[in-house]
PDB file of N, CA and C in Angstrom:
ATOM      1  N   UNK A   1      18.933  -9.820 -28.755  1.00  0.00           N
ATOM      2  CA  UNK A   1      19.149  -9.907 -27.324  1.00  0.00           C
ATOM      3  C   UNK A   1      18.108  -9.104 -26.557  1.00  0.00           C
ATOM      4  N   UNK A   2      17.760  -7.928 -27.085  1.00  0.00           N
ATOM      5  CA  UNK A   2      16.779  -7.087 -26.433  1.00  0.00           C
ATOM      6  C   UNK A   2      15.408  -7.746 -26.446  1.00  0.00           C
ATOM      7  N   UNK A   3      15.094  -8.503 -27.493  1.00  0.00           N
ATOM      8  CA  UNK A   3      13.810  -9.185 -27.586  1.00  0.00           C
ATOM      9  C   UNK A   3      13.681 -10.251 -26.503  1.00  0.00           C
ATOM     10  N   UNK A   4      14.769 -10.944 -26.194  1.00  0.00           N
ATOM     11  CA  UNK A   4      14.744 -11.954 -25.125  1.00  0.00           C
ATOM     12  C   UNK A   4      14.428 -11.315 -23.775  1.00  0.00           C
ATOM     13  N   UNK A   5      14.978 -10.154 -23.538  1.00  0.00           N
ATOM     14  CA  UNK A   5      14.726  -9.460 -22.279  1.00  0.00           C
ATOM     15  C   UNK A   5      13.257  -9.059 -22.182  1.00  0.00           C
ATOM     16  N   UNK A   6      12.685  -8.628 -23.286  1.00  0.00           N
ATOM     17  CA  UNK A   6      11.277  -8.268 -23.306  1.00  0.00           C
ATOM     18  C   UNK A   6      10.381  -9.456 -23.059  1.00  0.00           C
ATOM     19  N   UNK A   7      10.726 -10.579 -23.644  1.00  0.00           N
ATOM     20  CA  UNK A   7       9.945 -11.802 -23.451  1.00  0.00           C
ATOM     21  C   UNK A   7      10.050 -12.257 -21.996  1.00  0.00           C
ATOM     22  N   UNK A   8      11.240 -12.210 -21.425  1.00  0.00           N
ATOM     23  CA  UNK A   8      11.428 -12.625 -20.038  1.00  0.00           C
ATOM     24  C   UNK A   8      10.648 -11.708 -19.093  1.00  0.00           C
ATOM     25  N   UNK A   9      10.645 -10.418 -19.370  1.00  0.00           N
ATOM     26  CA  UNK A   9       9.878  -9.482 -18.551  1.00  0.00           C
ATOM     27  C   UNK A   9       8.397  -9.797 -18.626  1.00  0.00           C
ATOM     28  N   UNK A  10       7.916 -10.093 -19.820  1.00  0.00           N
ATOM     29  CA  UNK A  10       6.497 -10.421 -19.991  1.00  0.00           C
ATOM     30  C   UNK A  10       6.145 -11.710 -19.256  1.00  0.00           C
ATOM     31  N   UNK A  11       7.017 -12.695 -19.319  1.00  0.00           N
ATOM     32  CA  UNK A  11       6.765 -13.964 -18.627  1.00  0.00           C
ATOM     33  C   UNK A  11       6.736 -13.760 -17.112  1.00  0.00           C
ATOM     34  N   UNK A  12       7.696 -13.005 -16.595  1.00  0.00           N
ATOM     35  CA  UNK A  12       7.741 -12.754 -15.157  1.00  0.00           C
ATOM     36  C   UNK A  12       6.530 -11.946 -14.687  1.00  0.00           C
ATOM     37  N   UNK A  13       6.116 -10.965 -15.488  1.00  0.00           N
ATOM     38  CA  UNK A  13       4.938 -10.159 -15.142  1.00  0.00           C
ATOM     39  C   UNK A  13       3.687 -11.023 -15.113  1.00  0.00           C
ATOM     40  N   UNK A  14       3.548 -11.889 -16.122  1.00  0.00           N
ATOM     41  CA  UNK A  14       2.392 -12.784 -16.182  1.00  0.00           C
ATOM     42  C   UNK A  14       2.400 -13.751 -15.008  1.00  0.00           C
ATOM     43  N   UNK A  15       3.569 -14.279 -14.667  1.00  0.00           N
ATOM     44  CA  UNK A  15       3.674 -15.210 -13.535  1.00  0.00           C
ATOM     45  C   UNK A  15       3.317 -14.514 -12.218  1.00  0.00           C
ATOM     46  N   UNK A  16       3.772 -13.281 -12.039  1.00  0.00           N
ATOM     47  CA  UNK A  16       3.461 -12.548 -10.821  1.00  0.00           C
ATOM     48  C   UNK A  16       1.964 -12.256 -10.725  1.00  0.00           C
ATOM     49  N   UNK A  17       1.352 -11.888 -11.836  1.00  0.00           N
ATOM     50  CA  UNK A  17      -0.088 -11.635 -11.839  1.00  0.00           C
ATOM     51  C   UNK A  17      -0.854 -12.926 -11.547  1.00  0.00           C
ATOM     52  N   UNK A  18      -0.413 -14.024 -12.125  1.00  0.00           N
ATOM     53  CA  UNK A  18      -1.059 -15.309 -11.864  1.00  0.00           C
ATOM     54  C   UNK A  18      -0.938 -15.723 -10.406  1.00  0.00           C
ATOM     55  N   UNK A  19       0.227 -15.501  -9.822  1.00  0.00           N
ATOM     56  CA  UNK A  19       0.423 -15.841  -8.415  1.00  0.00           C
ATOM     57  C   UNK A  19      -0.462 -14.974  -7.522  1.00  0.00           C
ATOM     58  N   UNK A  20      -0.613 -13.706  -7.882  1.00  0.00           N
ATOM     59  CA  UNK A  20      -1.478 -12.820  -7.093  1.00  0.00           C
ATOM     60  C   UNK A  20      -2.931 -13.268  -7.178  1.00  0.00           C
ATOM     61  N   UNK A  21      -3.388 -13.601  -8.373  1.00  0.00           N
ATOM     62  CA  UNK A  21      -4.766 -14.069  -8.548  1.00  0.00           C
ATOM     63  C   UNK A  21      -4.980 -15.361  -7.774  1.00  0.00           C
ATOM     64  N   UNK A  22      -4.015 -16.272  -7.848  1.00  0.00           N
ATOM     65  CA  UNK A  22      -4.123 -17.541  -7.126  1.00  0.00           C
ATOM     66  C   UNK A  22      -4.195 -17.294  -5.622  1.00  0.00           C
ATOM     67  N   UNK A  23      -3.330 -16.424  -5.113  1.00  0.00           N
ATOM     68  CA  UNK A  23      -3.321 -16.141  -3.681  1.00  0.00           C
ATOM     69  C   UNK A  23      -4.609 -15.493  -3.209  1.00  0.00           C
ATOM     70  N   UNK A  24      -5.136 -14.574  -3.995  1.00  0.00           N
ATOM     71  CA  UNK A  24      -6.399 -13.934  -3.632  1.00  0.00           C
ATOM     72  C   UNK A  24      -7.535 -14.945  -3.661  1.00  0.00           C
ATOM     73  N   UNK A  25      -7.550 -15.791  -4.679  1.00  0.00           N
ATOM     74  CA  UNK A  25      -8.592 -16.817  -4.776  1.00  0.00           C
ATOM     75  C   UNK A  25      -8.557 -17.752  -3.582  1.00  0.00           C
ATOM     76  N   UNK A  26      -7.374 -18.208  -3.214  1.00  0.00           N
ATOM     77  CA  UNK A  26      -7.243 -19.102  -2.057  1.00  0.00           C
ATOM     78  C   UNK A  26      -7.636 -18.380  -0.769  1.00  0.00           C
ATOM     79  N   UNK A  27      -7.287 -17.117  -0.636  1.00  0.00           N
ATOM     80  CA  UNK A  27      -7.644 -16.358   0.548  1.00  0.00           C
ATOM     81  C   UNK A  27      -9.140 -16.185   0.700  1.00  0.00           C
ATOM     82  N   UNK A  28      -9.814 -15.991  -0.412  1.00  0.00           N
ATOM     83  CA  UNK A  28     -11.273 -15.868  -0.369  1.00  0.00           C
ATOM     84  C   UNK A  28     -11.902 -17.214  -0.027  1.00  0.00           C
ATOM     85  N   UNK A  29     -11.375 -18.286  -0.604  1.00  0.00           N
ATOM     86  CA  UNK A  29     -11.942 -19.614  -0.373  1.00  0.00           C
ATOM     87  C   UNK A  29     -11.796 -20.068   1.076  1.00  0.00           C
ATOM     88  N   UNK A  30     -10.650 -19.821   1.679  1.00  0.00           N
ATOM     89  CA  UNK A  30     -10.448 -20.328   3.039  1.00  0.00           C
ATOM     90  C   UNK A  30     -10.804 -19.311   4.123  1.00  0.00           C
ATOM     91  N   UNK A  31     -11.310 -18.139   3.739  1.00  0.00           N
ATOM     92  CA  UNK A  31     -11.802 -17.175   4.709  1.00  0.00           C
ATOM     93  C   UNK A  31     -10.756 -16.251   5.286  1.00  0.00           C
ATOM     94  N   UNK A  32      -9.545 -16.256   4.749  1.00  0.00           N
ATOM     95  CA  UNK A  32      -8.490 -15.393   5.276  1.00  0.00           C
ATOM     96  C   UNK A  32      -8.877 -13.928   5.154  1.00  0.00           C
ATOM     97  N   UNK A  33      -9.469 -13.546   4.041  1.00  0.00           N
ATOM     98  CA  UNK A  33      -9.806 -12.147   3.823  1.00  0.00           C
ATOM     99  C   UNK A  33     -10.985 -11.688   4.677  1.00  0.00           C
ATOM    100  N   UNK A  34     -11.777 -12.608   5.169  1.00  0.00           N
ATOM    101  CA  UNK A  34     -12.863 -12.234   6.060  1.00  0.00           C
ATOM    102  C   UNK A  34     -12.321 -11.807   7.422  1.00  0.00           C
ATOM    103  N   UNK A  35     -11.215 -12.402   7.838  1.00  0.00           N
ATOM    104  CA  UNK A  35     -10.601 -12.065   9.126  1.00  0.00           C
ATOM    105  C   UNK A  35      -9.648 -10.883   9.031  1.00  0.00           C
ATOM    106  N   UNK A  36      -9.259 -10.508   7.843  1.00  0.00           N
ATOM    107  CA  UNK A  36      -8.240  -9.485   7.663  1.00  0.00           C
ATOM    108  C   UNK A  36      -8.614  -8.130   8.270  1.00  0.00           C
ATOM    109  N   UNK A  37      -9.825  -7.588   8.062  1.00  0.00           N
ATOM    110  CA  UNK A  37     -10.133  -6.278   8.677  1.00  0.00           C
ATOM    111  C   UNK A  37     -10.025  -6.287  10.202  1.00  0.00           C
ATOM    112  N   UNK A  38     -10.471  -7.367  10.835  1.00  0.00           N
ATOM    113  CA  UNK A  38     -10.375  -7.439  12.297  1.00  0.00           C
ATOM    114  C   UNK A  38      -8.925  -7.533  12.742  1.00  0.00           C
ATOM    115  N   UNK A  39      -8.111  -8.271  12.012  1.00  0.00           N
ATOM    116  CA  UNK A  39      -6.697  -8.381  12.359  1.00  0.00           C
ATOM    117  C   UNK A  39      -5.989  -7.037  12.221  1.00  0.00           C
ATOM    118  N   UNK A  40      -6.327  -6.276  11.167  1.00  0.00           N
ATOM    119  CA  UNK A  40      -5.722  -4.962  11.002  1.00  0.00           C
ATOM    120  C   UNK A  40      -6.166  -4.013  12.104  1.00  0.00           C
ATOM    121  N   UNK A  41      -7.431  -4.084  12.469  1.00  0.00           N
ATOM    122  CA  UNK A  41      -7.940  -3.241  13.543  1.00  0.00           C
ATOM    123  C   UNK A  41      -7.234  -3.564  14.861  1.00  0.00           C
ATOM    124  N   UNK A  42      -7.067  -4.850  15.144  1.00  0.00           N
ATOM    125  CA  UNK A  42      -6.373  -5.250  16.365  1.00  0.00           C
ATOM    126  C   UNK A  42      -4.922  -4.767  16.358  1.00  0.00           C
ATOM    127  N   UNK A  43      -4.287  -4.842  15.204  1.00  0.00           N
ATOM    128  CA  UNK A  43      -2.894  -4.414  15.107  1.00  0.00           C
ATOM    129  C   UNK A  43      -2.773  -2.907  15.332  1.00  0.00           C
ATOM    130  N   UNK A  44      -3.717  -2.129  14.796  1.00  0.00           N
ATOM    131  CA  UNK A  44      -3.645  -0.674  14.945  1.00  0.00           C
ATOM    132  C   UNK A  44      -3.973  -0.231  16.373  1.00  0.00           C
ATOM    133  N   UNK A  45      -4.719  -1.041  17.122  1.00  0.00           N
ATOM    134  CA  UNK A  45      -5.036  -0.700  18.499  1.00  0.00           C
ATOM    135  C   UNK A  45      -3.968  -1.169  19.488  1.00  0.00           C
ATOM    136  N   UNK A  46      -2.965  -1.852  18.993  1.00  0.00           N
ATOM    137  CA  UNK A  46      -1.859  -2.321  19.807  1.00  0.00           C
ATOM    138  C   UNK A  46      -1.061  -1.108  20.303  1.00  0.00           C
ATOM    139  N   UNK A  47      -0.772  -1.014  21.615  1.00  0.00           N
ATOM    140  CA  UNK A  47      -0.032   0.152  22.146  1.00  0.00           C
ATOM    141  C   UNK A  47       1.313   0.378  21.466  1.00  0.00           C
ATOM    142  N   UNK A  48       2.014  -0.674  21.111  1.00  0.00           N
ATOM    143  CA  UNK A  48       3.307  -0.506  20.447  1.00  0.00           C
ATOM    144  C   UNK A  48       3.123   0.136  19.077  1.00  0.00           C
ATOM    145  N   UNK A  49       2.081  -0.263  18.367  1.00  0.00           N
ATOM    146  CA  UNK A  49       1.809   0.318  17.052  1.00  0.00           C
ATOM    147  C   UNK A  49       1.401   1.781  17.189  1.00  0.00           C
ATOM    148  N   UNK A  50       0.657   2.109  18.228  1.00  0.00           N
ATOM    149  CA  UNK A  50       0.240   3.490  18.434  1.00  0.00           C
ATOM    150  C   UNK A  50       1.435   4.389  18.738  1.00  0.00           C
ATOM    151  N   UNK A  51       2.455   3.843  19.399  1.00  0.00           N
ATOM    152  CA  UNK A  51       3.663   4.633  19.659  1.00  0.00           C
ATOM    153  C   UNK A  51       4.372   4.976  18.354  1.00  0.00           C
ATOM    154  N   UNK A  52       4.252   4.100  17.377  1.00  0.00           N
ATOM    155  CA  UNK A  52       4.884   4.358  16.081  1.00  0.00           C
ATOM    156  C   UNK A  52       4.052   5.329  15.255  1.00  0.00           C
ATOM    157  N   UNK A  53       2.740   5.132  15.235  1.00  0.00           N
ATOM    158  CA  UNK A  53       1.895   5.921  14.346  1.00  0.00           C
ATOM    159  C   UNK A  53       1.603   7.319  14.863  1.00  0.00           C
ATOM    160  N   UNK A  54       1.632   7.530  16.162  1.00  0.00           N
ATOM    161  CA  UNK A  54       1.297   8.843  16.724  1.00  0.00           C
ATOM    162  C   UNK A  54       2.242   9.943  16.230  1.00  0.00           C
ATOM    163  N   UNK A  55       3.567   9.743  16.271  1.00  0.00           N
ATOM    164  CA  UNK A  55       4.448  10.792  15.738  1.00  0.00           C
ATOM    165  C   UNK A  55       4.232  11.038  14.245  1.00  0.00           C
ATOM    166  N   UNK A  56       3.941   9.989  13.497  1.00  0.00           N
ATOM    167  CA  UNK A  56       3.671  10.157  12.069  1.00  0.00           C
ATOM    168  C   UNK A  56       2.399  10.966  11.852  1.00  0.00           C
ATOM    169  N   UNK A  57       1.397  10.696  12.659  1.00  0.00           N
ATOM    170  CA  UNK A  57       0.145  11.455  12.577  1.00  0.00           C
ATOM    171  C   UNK A  57       0.386  12.923  12.923  1.00  0.00           C
ATOM    172  N   UNK A  58       1.186  13.162  13.936  1.00  0.00           N
ATOM    173  CA  UNK A  58       1.493  14.546  14.317  1.00  0.00           C
ATOM    174  C   UNK A  58       2.249  15.271  13.202  1.00  0.00           C
ATOM    175  N   UNK A  59       3.157  14.561  12.550  1.00  0.00           N
ATOM    176  CA  UNK A  59       3.889  15.168  11.445  1.00  0.00           C
ATOM    177  C   UNK A  59       2.944  15.516  10.303  1.00  0.00           C
ATOM    178  N   UNK A  60       2.001  14.633  10.012  1.00  0.00           N
ATOM    179  CA  UNK A  60       1.061  14.869   8.922  1.00  0.00           C
ATOM    180  C   UNK A  60       0.128  16.026   9.239  1.00  0.00           C
ATOM    181  N   UNK A  61      -0.156  16.242  10.496  1.00  0.00           N
ATOM    182  CA  UNK A  61      -1.037  17.341  10.888  1.00  0.00           C
ATOM    183  C   UNK A  61      -0.297  18.662  11.044  1.00  0.00           C
ATOM    184  N   UNK A  62       0.999  18.618  10.915  1.00  0.00           N
ATOM    185  CA  UNK A  62       1.812  19.819  11.087  1.00  0.00           C
ATOM    186  C   UNK A  62       1.505  20.820   9.971  1.00  0.00           C
ATOM    187  N   UNK A  63       1.251  22.072  10.346  1.00  0.00           N
ATOM    188  CA  UNK A  63       0.887  23.114   9.383  1.00  0.00           C
ATOM    189  C   UNK A  63       1.990  23.339   8.359  1.00  0.00           C
ATOM    190  N   UNK A  64       3.256  23.284   8.799  1.00  0.00           N
ATOM    191  CA  UNK A  64       4.359  23.510   7.867  1.00  0.00           C
ATOM    192  C   UNK A  64       4.390  22.456   6.785  1.00  0.00           C
ATOM    193  N   UNK A  65       4.108  21.222   7.137  1.00  0.00           N
ATOM    194  CA  UNK A  65       4.093  20.150   6.150  1.00  0.00           C
ATOM    195  C   UNK A  65       2.959  20.363   5.162  1.00  0.00           C
ATOM    196  N   UNK A  66       1.801  20.804   5.637  1.00  0.00           N
ATOM    197  CA  UNK A  66       0.677  21.061   4.743  1.00  0.00           C
ATOM    198  C   UNK A  66       1.007  22.204   3.783  1.00  0.00           C
ATOM    199  N   UNK A  67       1.664  23.244   4.278  1.00  0.00           N
ATOM    200  CA  UNK A  67       2.041  24.353   3.404  1.00  0.00           C
ATOM    201  C   UNK A  67       3.044  23.893   2.360  1.00  0.00           C
ATOM    202  N   UNK A  68       3.991  23.059   2.759  1.00  0.00           N
ATOM    203  CA  UNK A  68       4.983  22.537   1.825  1.00  0.00           C
ATOM    204  C   UNK A  68       4.307  21.701   0.750  1.00  0.00           C
ATOM    205  N   UNK A  69       3.339  20.891   1.149  1.00  0.00           N
ATOM    206  CA  UNK A  69       2.605  20.073   0.189  1.00  0.00           C
ATOM    207  C   UNK A  69       1.860  20.953  -0.805  1.00  0.00           C
ATOM    208  N   UNK A  70       1.226  22.000  -0.316  1.00  0.00           N
ATOM    209  CA  UNK A  70       0.511  22.915  -1.202  1.00  0.00           C
ATOM    210  C   UNK A  70       1.461  23.619  -2.158  1.00  0.00           C
ATOM    211  N   UNK A  71       2.637  23.987  -1.661  1.00  0.00           N
ATOM    212  CA  UNK A  71       3.624  24.674  -2.491  1.00  0.00           C
ATOM    213  C   UNK A  71       4.060  23.807  -3.659  1.00  0.00           C
ATOM    214  N   UNK A  72       4.226  22.518  -3.410  1.00  0.00           N
ATOM    215  CA  UNK A  72       4.722  21.627  -4.453  1.00  0.00           C
ATOM    216  C   UNK A  72       3.614  20.934  -5.232  1.00  0.00           C
ATOM    217  N   UNK A  73       2.405  21.456  -5.172  1.00  0.00           N
ATOM    218  CA  UNK A  73       1.372  20.972  -6.078  1.00  0.00           C
ATOM    219  C   UNK A  73       0.364  20.032  -5.478  1.00  0.00           C
ATOM    220  N   UNK A  74       0.318  19.897  -4.168  1.00  0.00           N
ATOM    221  CA  UNK A  74      -0.679  19.009  -3.574  1.00  0.00           C
ATOM    222  C   UNK A  74      -2.096  19.472  -3.848  1.00  0.00           C
ATOM    223  N   UNK A  75      -2.352  20.777  -3.772  1.00  0.00           N
ATOM    224  CA  UNK A  75      -3.675  21.339  -4.040  1.00  0.00           C
ATOM    225  C   UNK A  75      -3.598  22.392  -5.132  1.00  0.00           C
ATOM    226  N   UNK A  76      -2.720  22.223  -6.054  1.00  0.00           N
ATOM    227  CA  UNK A  76      -2.507  23.194  -7.109  1.00  0.00           C
ATOM    228  C   UNK A  76      -3.609  23.077  -8.153  1.00  0.00           C
ATOM    229  N   UNK A  77      -4.438  24.108  -8.259  1.00  0.00           N
ATOM    230  CA  UNK A  77      -5.547  24.065  -9.225  1.00  0.00           C
ATOM    231  C   UNK A  77      -5.246  24.864 -10.468  1.00  0.00           C
ATOM    232  N   UNK A  78      -4.111  25.550 -10.520  1.00  0.00           N
ATOM    233  CA  UNK A  78      -3.750  26.312 -11.705  1.00  0.00           C
ATOM    234  C   UNK A  78      -3.228  25.382 -12.779  1.00  0.00           C
ATOM    235  N   UNK A  79      -3.541  25.707 -14.022  1.00  0.00           N
ATOM    236  CA  UNK A  79      -3.036  24.882 -15.142  1.00  0.00           C
ATOM    237  C   UNK A  79      -2.387  25.745 -16.177  1.00  0.00           C
TER     238      UNK A  79
END
């Protein structure tokens, strides 16, 4: 029974990888990926998006958060 589960997992993983490759190939062929950087830039410059990202940016720049990150190994160089 356990072997069947392993085979099914492998089949699903392979199918997902194949679908991703197919989607990327089609996106490159029809030019979708060429427009993607401009679309992302336009989305980030949208005032509604800036209202969402600004508080997140402020939180990331907060000194307390940086100290907490360092405490839990963000810049831990000791081994």
